[in-house]
Every structure is written in C-alpha cells, then in structure tokens.
Amino acid sequence: MNNKTKANLIFNLHIVVTLANLLLPVLLPLRYLFIGLIFSAFIVVHWTIFKGCILTILENKYNNKRNPKTLKGQFVDRALNRFFGLDLSERQLKALNLSMVVYIFSTYAFRYSRNILITCLVGGVTAILYLTKN
C-alpha cells in the first residue's frame, strides 16, 4: 500500500471516528453512555498529549506535510472543504471545534442527569477548559 492510500485510509477513519463521536451521545442506550463519555474524554485528552489528533499527524506524515500550527489545513478544515465546499477562517474553525466539544459533553450530561442546570454547568466548564487549552 502506498503512502497516498494510507493517508486516504486514515482520513476516512478520522471521518468515522468524528461521526461516531458526534452521534454516540444521542444514539447510545442509557446503560452504555458511560463508555461513550470515556471515548469522548479520551479523544480530548489525546489532543492535549499529542498536541493535536494522532490521526491528523499520521495522515500528514504519509502525505509528507508538516503539521500546521493553526486549524487551517487540519482535518476539520479539509473535511468541510472536501464534502461541503466550505472554506472557513481560523476563527470559524475554532468556534466549530468548540461547539462540537461542548455539544458532545453537554448531551452526555443532559442524558445522565436530565437537569438543565447541570447541563449548562458542564457545557460552560467544557468551554472554559477548551478555550484555556487553545
């Protein structure tokens, strides 16, 4: 398998992981919510450890590209451009990433607690933690 094929395979795997991460909070039965929450938390923790997503790093390695320091050219930017023809600015990409992370953890919090105040608290704390990291 050549490097271009490996990069395409990793990009498609990244699409699957991202879609799963966005759909699991809504689709999982209540007894499996904790597993989905651990999966989502693992993804955020691994971003911090590797200073970005390991799948993006591998894909850039196979494409012989350096990892950009900004969100421009990263996975979300390329996926939106490839599937929807959208070219978002750096600020819009940061807002989109923040929205996705807050959505995931707020949905888990609401499904666990059924309490809107707890959901808002979790969403706010998630947003603050995400913004201080970036």
N, C-alpha and C. Protein backbone atom coordinates (compact mmCIF):
# COMPACT_ATOMS: atom_id res chain seq x y z
N MET A 1 0.85 -1.17 0.00
CA MET A 1 0.00 0.00 0.00
C MET A 1 0.90 1.24 0.00
N ASN A 2 0.65 2.16 -0.92
CA ASN A 2 1.48 3.37 -0.99
C ASN A 2 1.03 4.40 0.05
N ASN A 3 1.83 5.44 0.21
CA ASN A 3 1.57 6.43 1.24
C ASN A 3 0.27 7.21 1.00
N LYS A 4 -0.06 7.48 -0.25
CA LYS A 4 -1.29 8.22 -0.56
C LYS A 4 -2.52 7.40 -0.14
N THR A 5 -2.49 6.10 -0.37
CA THR A 5 -3.58 5.23 0.03
C THR A 5 -3.70 5.17 1.54
N LYS A 6 -2.57 5.10 2.22
CA LYS A 6 -2.57 5.09 3.68
C LYS A 6 -3.16 6.40 4.22
N ALA A 7 -2.77 7.53 3.62
CA ALA A 7 -3.29 8.83 4.05
C ALA A 7 -4.80 8.90 3.84
N ASN A 8 -5.30 8.40 2.70
CA ASN A 8 -6.74 8.39 2.44
C ASN A 8 -7.47 7.48 3.42
N LEU A 9 -6.89 6.34 3.73
CA LEU A 9 -7.49 5.42 4.70
C LEU A 9 -7.59 6.06 6.08
N ILE A 10 -6.55 6.75 6.49
CA ILE A 10 -6.56 7.42 7.79
C ILE A 10 -7.58 8.56 7.79
N PHE A 11 -7.68 9.31 6.68
CA PHE A 11 -8.67 10.39 6.59
C PHE A 11 -10.08 9.82 6.74
N ASN A 12 -10.36 8.71 6.06
CA ASN A 12 -11.69 8.10 6.16
C ASN A 12 -11.95 7.53 7.55
N LEU A 13 -10.94 6.97 8.18
CA LEU A 13 -11.08 6.52 9.57
C LEU A 13 -11.37 7.69 10.49
N HIS A 14 -10.73 8.81 10.23
CA HIS A 14 -10.96 10.02 11.01
C HIS A 14 -12.42 10.50 10.86
N ILE A 15 -12.96 10.40 9.66
CA ILE A 15 -14.36 10.76 9.42
C ILE A 15 -15.26 9.86 10.27
N VAL A 16 -15.00 8.57 10.26
CA VAL A 16 -15.82 7.62 11.03
C VAL A 16 -15.75 7.91 12.52
N VAL A 17 -14.56 8.15 13.03
CA VAL A 17 -14.39 8.44 14.46
C VAL A 17 -15.10 9.74 14.83
N THR A 18 -15.00 10.74 13.99
CA THR A 18 -15.66 12.03 14.27
C THR A 18 -17.18 11.88 14.25
N LEU A 19 -17.70 11.20 13.25
CA LEU A 19 -19.15 10.99 13.19
C LEU A 19 -19.64 10.17 14.38
N ALA A 20 -18.89 9.15 14.75
CA ALA A 20 -19.26 8.34 15.92
C ALA A 20 -19.27 9.21 17.16
N ASN A 21 -18.27 10.05 17.31
CA ASN A 21 -18.19 10.91 18.48
C ASN A 21 -19.35 11.91 18.54
N LEU A 22 -19.83 12.35 17.40
CA LEU A 22 -20.96 13.28 17.37
C LEU A 22 -22.31 12.58 17.55
N LEU A 23 -22.42 11.33 17.10
CA LEU A 23 -23.71 10.63 17.16
C LEU A 23 -23.90 9.79 18.42
N LEU A 24 -22.81 9.33 19.02
CA LEU A 24 -22.94 8.46 20.20
C LEU A 24 -23.72 9.08 21.36
N PRO A 25 -23.52 10.37 21.68
CA PRO A 25 -24.27 10.91 22.81
C PRO A 25 -25.79 10.84 22.64
N VAL A 26 -26.24 10.85 21.41
CA VAL A 26 -27.68 10.83 21.13
C VAL A 26 -28.20 9.41 20.95
N LEU A 27 -27.41 8.55 20.34
CA LEU A 27 -27.89 7.23 19.95
C LEU A 27 -27.65 6.11 20.97
N LEU A 28 -26.69 6.28 21.85
CA LEU A 28 -26.38 5.21 22.80
C LEU A 28 -27.50 4.99 23.80
N PRO A 29 -27.79 3.74 24.12
CA PRO A 29 -28.73 3.48 25.22
C PRO A 29 -28.13 3.97 26.53
N LEU A 30 -28.98 4.25 27.50
CA LEU A 30 -28.52 4.84 28.76
C LEU A 30 -27.44 4.01 29.45
N ARG A 31 -27.53 2.70 29.38
CA ARG A 31 -26.56 1.90 30.12
C ARG A 31 -25.17 1.93 29.48
N TYR A 32 -25.05 2.38 28.23
CA TYR A 32 -23.74 2.47 27.58
C TYR A 32 -23.21 3.90 27.48
N LEU A 33 -23.92 4.84 28.08
CA LEU A 33 -23.49 6.24 28.00
C LEU A 33 -22.11 6.45 28.60
N PHE A 34 -21.81 5.76 29.68
CA PHE A 34 -20.52 5.95 30.33
C PHE A 34 -19.37 5.57 29.40
N ILE A 35 -19.54 4.52 28.63
CA ILE A 35 -18.50 4.10 27.68
C ILE A 35 -18.30 5.19 26.62
N GLY A 36 -19.39 5.75 26.12
CA GLY A 36 -19.29 6.83 25.14
C GLY A 36 -18.64 8.06 25.73
N LEU A 37 -18.94 8.36 26.98
CA LEU A 37 -18.33 9.51 27.65
C LEU A 37 -16.83 9.30 27.80
N ILE A 38 -16.42 8.11 28.17
CA ILE A 38 -14.99 7.80 28.29
C ILE A 38 -14.31 7.93 26.92
N PHE A 39 -14.97 7.46 25.86
CA PHE A 39 -14.44 7.58 24.49
C PHE A 39 -14.21 9.05 24.14
N SER A 40 -15.20 9.90 24.42
CA SER A 40 -15.08 11.32 24.11
C SER A 40 -14.00 11.99 24.95
N ALA A 41 -13.93 11.65 26.22
CA ALA A 41 -12.90 12.22 27.09
C ALA A 41 -11.51 11.79 26.63
N PHE A 42 -11.39 10.53 26.21
CA PHE A 42 -10.11 10.03 25.71
C PHE A 42 -9.66 10.84 24.49
N ILE A 43 -10.58 11.18 23.62
CA ILE A 43 -10.23 11.95 22.43
C ILE A 43 -9.70 13.33 22.82
N VAL A 44 -10.36 14.00 23.75
CA VAL A 44 -9.90 15.33 24.18
C VAL A 44 -8.54 15.23 24.87
N VAL A 45 -8.36 14.21 25.71
CA VAL A 45 -7.08 14.04 26.41
C VAL A 45 -5.96 13.74 25.41
N HIS A 46 -6.25 12.94 24.42
CA HIS A 46 -5.19 12.62 23.46
C HIS A 46 -4.82 13.83 22.61
N TRP A 47 -5.76 14.76 22.38
CA TRP A 47 -5.41 16.01 21.68
C TRP A 47 -4.38 16.78 22.49
N THR A 48 -4.56 16.78 23.80
CA THR A 48 -3.64 17.51 24.67
C THR A 48 -2.27 16.85 24.70
N ILE A 49 -2.25 15.54 24.83
CA ILE A 49 -0.99 14.81 24.93
C ILE A 49 -0.17 14.94 23.64
N PHE A 50 -0.81 14.75 22.50
CA PHE A 50 -0.09 14.75 21.23
C PHE A 50 -0.08 16.12 20.55
N LYS A 51 -0.63 17.14 21.20
CA LYS A 51 -0.72 18.49 20.63
C LYS A 51 -1.43 18.47 19.28
N GLY A 52 -2.52 17.73 19.23
CA GLY A 52 -3.32 17.56 18.02
C GLY A 52 -3.76 16.12 17.92
N CYS A 53 -4.52 15.82 16.91
CA CYS A 53 -5.04 14.47 16.75
C CYS A 53 -3.98 13.57 16.13
N ILE A 54 -3.82 12.40 16.69
CA ILE A 54 -2.81 11.46 16.20
C ILE A 54 -3.14 11.01 14.76
N LEU A 55 -4.43 10.95 14.41
CA LEU A 55 -4.79 10.58 13.05
C LEU A 55 -4.36 11.65 12.04
N THR A 56 -4.50 12.91 12.43
CA THR A 56 -4.06 14.00 11.56
C THR A 56 -2.54 13.99 11.42
N ILE A 57 -1.86 13.72 12.52
CA ILE A 57 -0.40 13.66 12.49
C ILE A 57 0.07 12.54 11.55
N LEU A 58 -0.57 11.37 11.67
CA LEU A 58 -0.21 10.25 10.79
C LEU A 58 -0.53 10.54 9.33
N GLU A 59 -1.69 11.14 9.10
CA GLU A 59 -2.07 11.46 7.73
C GLU A 59 -1.08 12.44 7.10
N ASN A 60 -0.69 13.46 7.86
CA ASN A 60 0.28 14.42 7.35
C ASN A 60 1.64 13.76 7.12
N LYS A 61 1.99 12.79 7.95
CA LYS A 61 3.24 12.06 7.77
C LYS A 61 3.23 11.32 6.43
N TYR A 62 2.11 10.65 6.13
CA TYR A 62 2.02 9.90 4.88
C TYR A 62 1.90 10.81 3.66
N ASN A 63 1.41 12.03 3.85
CA ASN A 63 1.33 12.99 2.75
C ASN A 63 2.58 13.85 2.65
N ASN A 64 3.57 13.58 3.51
CA ASN A 64 4.81 14.35 3.56
C ASN A 64 4.55 15.84 3.78
N LYS A 65 3.63 16.14 4.70
CA LYS A 65 3.32 17.52 5.06
C LYS A 65 3.69 17.74 6.52
N ARG A 66 4.04 18.96 6.82
CA ARG A 66 4.26 19.31 8.22
C ARG A 66 2.92 19.56 8.86
N ASN A 67 2.82 19.32 10.16
CA ASN A 67 1.58 19.60 10.88
C ASN A 67 1.45 21.10 11.07
N PRO A 68 0.38 21.69 10.54
CA PRO A 68 0.20 23.14 10.71
C PRO A 68 -0.07 23.49 12.17
N LYS A 69 0.35 24.67 12.57
CA LYS A 69 0.14 25.13 13.95
C LYS A 69 -1.27 25.71 14.13
N THR A 70 -1.96 25.96 13.04
CA THR A 70 -3.31 26.51 13.10
C THR A 70 -4.31 25.43 12.68
N LEU A 71 -5.58 25.74 12.81
CA LEU A 71 -6.62 24.79 12.40
C LEU A 71 -6.80 24.77 10.89
N LYS A 72 -6.34 25.81 10.22
CA LYS A 72 -6.41 25.84 8.76
C LYS A 72 -5.55 24.71 8.22
N GLY A 73 -6.11 23.90 7.36
CA GLY A 73 -5.38 22.78 6.79
C GLY A 73 -5.46 21.51 7.62
N GLN A 74 -6.04 21.60 8.79
CA GLN A 74 -6.20 20.42 9.64
C GLN A 74 -7.42 19.62 9.16
N PHE A 75 -7.75 18.58 9.89
CA PHE A 75 -8.80 17.64 9.48
C PHE A 75 -10.16 18.30 9.25
N VAL A 76 -10.65 19.07 10.20
CA VAL A 76 -11.99 19.65 10.07
C VAL A 76 -12.05 20.57 8.86
N ASP A 77 -11.02 21.36 8.67
CA ASP A 77 -10.98 22.27 7.52
C ASP A 77 -11.02 21.49 6.20
N ARG A 78 -10.20 20.43 6.11
CA ARG A 78 -10.17 19.64 4.88
C ARG A 78 -11.47 18.87 4.66
N ALA A 79 -12.05 18.35 5.74
CA ALA A 79 -13.31 17.59 5.61
C ALA A 79 -14.44 18.51 5.14
N LEU A 80 -14.55 19.69 5.73
CA LEU A 80 -15.60 20.63 5.32
C LEU A 80 -15.39 21.08 3.88
N ASN A 81 -14.15 21.29 3.51
CA ASN A 81 -13.86 21.70 2.13
C ASN A 81 -14.16 20.58 1.15
N ARG A 82 -13.80 19.36 1.52
CA ARG A 82 -13.99 18.21 0.62
C ARG A 82 -15.46 17.85 0.43
N PHE A 83 -16.23 17.82 1.53
CA PHE A 83 -17.61 17.36 1.44
C PHE A 83 -18.63 18.46 1.18
N PHE A 84 -18.35 19.68 1.64
CA PHE A 84 -19.33 20.75 1.51
C PHE A 84 -18.83 21.96 0.73
N GLY A 85 -17.56 21.97 0.37
CA GLY A 85 -17.00 23.10 -0.37
C GLY A 85 -16.87 24.36 0.49
N LEU A 86 -16.82 24.21 1.81
CA LEU A 86 -16.71 25.35 2.71
C LEU A 86 -15.25 25.67 2.98
N ASP A 87 -14.94 26.96 2.98
CA ASP A 87 -13.60 27.41 3.34
C ASP A 87 -13.75 28.37 4.51
N LEU A 88 -13.63 27.83 5.73
CA LEU A 88 -13.83 28.63 6.93
C LEU A 88 -12.53 29.28 7.37
N SER A 89 -12.68 30.41 8.05
CA SER A 89 -11.50 31.09 8.60
C SER A 89 -11.05 30.37 9.87
N GLU A 90 -9.89 30.75 10.35
CA GLU A 90 -9.34 30.16 11.58
C GLU A 90 -10.29 30.37 12.76
N ARG A 91 -10.85 31.55 12.85
CA ARG A 91 -11.78 31.87 13.94
C ARG A 91 -13.03 30.99 13.86
N GLN A 92 -13.57 30.82 12.67
CA GLN A 92 -14.75 29.98 12.49
C GLN A 92 -14.45 28.51 12.81
N LEU A 93 -13.26 28.04 12.45
CA LEU A 93 -12.88 26.66 12.75
C LEU A 93 -12.75 26.45 14.26
N LYS A 94 -12.18 27.43 14.97
CA LYS A 94 -12.09 27.33 16.43
C LYS A 94 -13.49 27.29 17.05
N ALA A 95 -14.39 28.14 16.55
CA ALA A 95 -15.76 28.15 17.07
C ALA A 95 -16.47 26.83 16.78
N LEU A 96 -16.24 26.27 15.61
CA LEU A 96 -16.86 24.99 15.26
C LEU A 96 -16.33 23.87 16.15
N ASN A 97 -15.02 23.81 16.35
CA ASN A 97 -14.45 22.79 17.23
C ASN A 97 -14.98 22.93 18.65
N LEU A 98 -15.03 24.16 19.15
CA LEU A 98 -15.57 24.39 20.50
C LEU A 98 -17.03 23.95 20.57
N SER A 99 -17.80 24.28 19.55
CA SER A 99 -19.22 23.89 19.53
C SER A 99 -19.39 22.38 19.56
N MET A 100 -18.55 21.67 18.81
CA MET A 100 -18.67 20.22 18.78
C MET A 100 -18.32 19.61 20.14
N VAL A 101 -17.27 20.10 20.78
CA VAL A 101 -16.87 19.56 22.08
C VAL A 101 -17.93 19.86 23.14
N VAL A 102 -18.43 21.08 23.16
CA VAL A 102 -19.47 21.45 24.14
C VAL A 102 -20.75 20.65 23.88
N TYR A 103 -21.12 20.48 22.62
CA TYR A 103 -22.30 19.68 22.28
C TYR A 103 -22.18 18.25 22.81
N ILE A 104 -21.03 17.63 22.58
CA ILE A 104 -20.83 16.24 22.99
C ILE A 104 -20.97 16.10 24.49
N PHE A 105 -20.23 16.90 25.26
CA PHE A 105 -20.25 16.74 26.71
C PHE A 105 -21.55 17.23 27.34
N SER A 106 -22.17 18.25 26.76
CA SER A 106 -23.47 18.71 27.27
C SER A 106 -24.56 17.67 27.02
N THR A 107 -24.51 17.02 25.89
CA THR A 107 -25.50 15.98 25.60
C THR A 107 -25.37 14.81 26.55
N TYR A 108 -24.13 14.40 26.81
CA TYR A 108 -23.92 13.33 27.80
C TYR A 108 -24.43 13.77 29.17
N ALA A 109 -24.12 15.00 29.56
CA ALA A 109 -24.56 15.49 30.87
C ALA A 109 -26.07 15.52 30.97
N PHE A 110 -26.74 15.96 29.92
CA PHE A 110 -28.20 16.02 29.97
C PHE A 110 -28.81 14.62 30.01
N ARG A 111 -28.27 13.72 29.21
CA ARG A 111 -28.84 12.37 29.20
C ARG A 111 -28.60 11.66 30.53
N TYR A 112 -27.49 11.97 31.19
CA TYR A 112 -27.24 11.37 32.51
C TYR A 112 -28.13 11.98 33.58
N SER A 113 -28.23 13.30 33.61
CA SER A 113 -28.86 13.97 34.75
C SER A 113 -30.31 14.40 34.50
N ARG A 114 -30.67 14.65 33.27
CA ARG A 114 -31.99 15.21 32.92
C ARG A 114 -32.22 16.54 33.65
N ASN A 115 -31.14 17.26 33.92
CA ASN A 115 -31.20 18.52 34.63
C ASN A 115 -30.52 19.58 33.78
N ILE A 116 -31.26 20.62 33.41
CA ILE A 116 -30.73 21.64 32.51
C ILE A 116 -29.63 22.46 33.18
N LEU A 117 -29.70 22.66 34.49
CA LEU A 117 -28.67 23.43 35.18
C LEU A 117 -27.33 22.69 35.17
N ILE A 118 -27.37 21.41 35.42
CA ILE A 118 -26.15 20.61 35.37
C ILE A 118 -25.59 20.60 33.95
N THR A 119 -26.49 20.50 32.98
CA THR A 119 -26.06 20.51 31.57
C THR A 119 -25.36 21.82 31.23
N CYS A 120 -25.93 22.94 31.65
CA CYS A 120 -25.32 24.25 31.39
C CYS A 120 -23.97 24.37 32.10
N LEU A 121 -23.89 23.86 33.31
CA LEU A 121 -22.64 23.91 34.06
C LEU A 121 -21.55 23.10 33.34
N VAL A 122 -21.90 21.89 32.91
CA VAL A 122 -20.93 21.06 32.20
C VAL A 122 -20.52 21.72 30.89
N GLY A 123 -21.47 22.29 30.16
CA GLY A 123 -21.15 22.98 28.91
C GLY A 123 -20.24 24.17 29.14
N GLY A 124 -20.50 24.94 30.18
CA GLY A 124 -19.66 26.09 30.50
C GLY A 124 -18.26 25.70 30.91
N VAL A 125 -18.16 24.70 31.78
CA VAL A 125 -16.84 24.23 32.21
C VAL A 125 -16.07 23.65 31.03
N THR A 126 -16.74 22.90 30.17
CA THR A 126 -16.09 22.34 28.99
C THR A 126 -15.56 23.46 28.09
N ALA A 127 -16.38 24.49 27.89
CA ALA A 127 -15.96 25.62 27.04
C ALA A 127 -14.76 26.33 27.64
N ILE A 128 -14.79 26.57 28.94
CA ILE A 128 -13.66 27.27 29.60
C ILE A 128 -12.39 26.43 29.49
N LEU A 129 -12.49 25.14 29.77
CA LEU A 129 -11.31 24.27 29.68
C LEU A 129 -10.77 24.22 28.26
N TYR A 130 -11.66 24.14 27.28
CA TYR A 130 -11.24 24.06 25.89
C TYR A 130 -10.58 25.37 25.46
N LEU A 131 -11.16 26.50 25.87
CA LEU A 131 -10.61 27.79 25.47
C LEU A 131 -9.27 28.06 26.13
N THR A 132 -9.08 27.63 27.38
CA THR A 132 -7.80 27.86 28.03
C THR A 132 -6.71 26.97 27.43
N LYS A 133 -7.11 25.81 26.90
CA LYS A 133 -6.15 24.91 26.25
C LYS A 133 -5.66 25.51 24.95
N ASN A 134 -6.56 26.20 24.25
CA ASN A 134 -6.19 26.78 22.94
C ASN A 134 -5.82 28.20 23.16
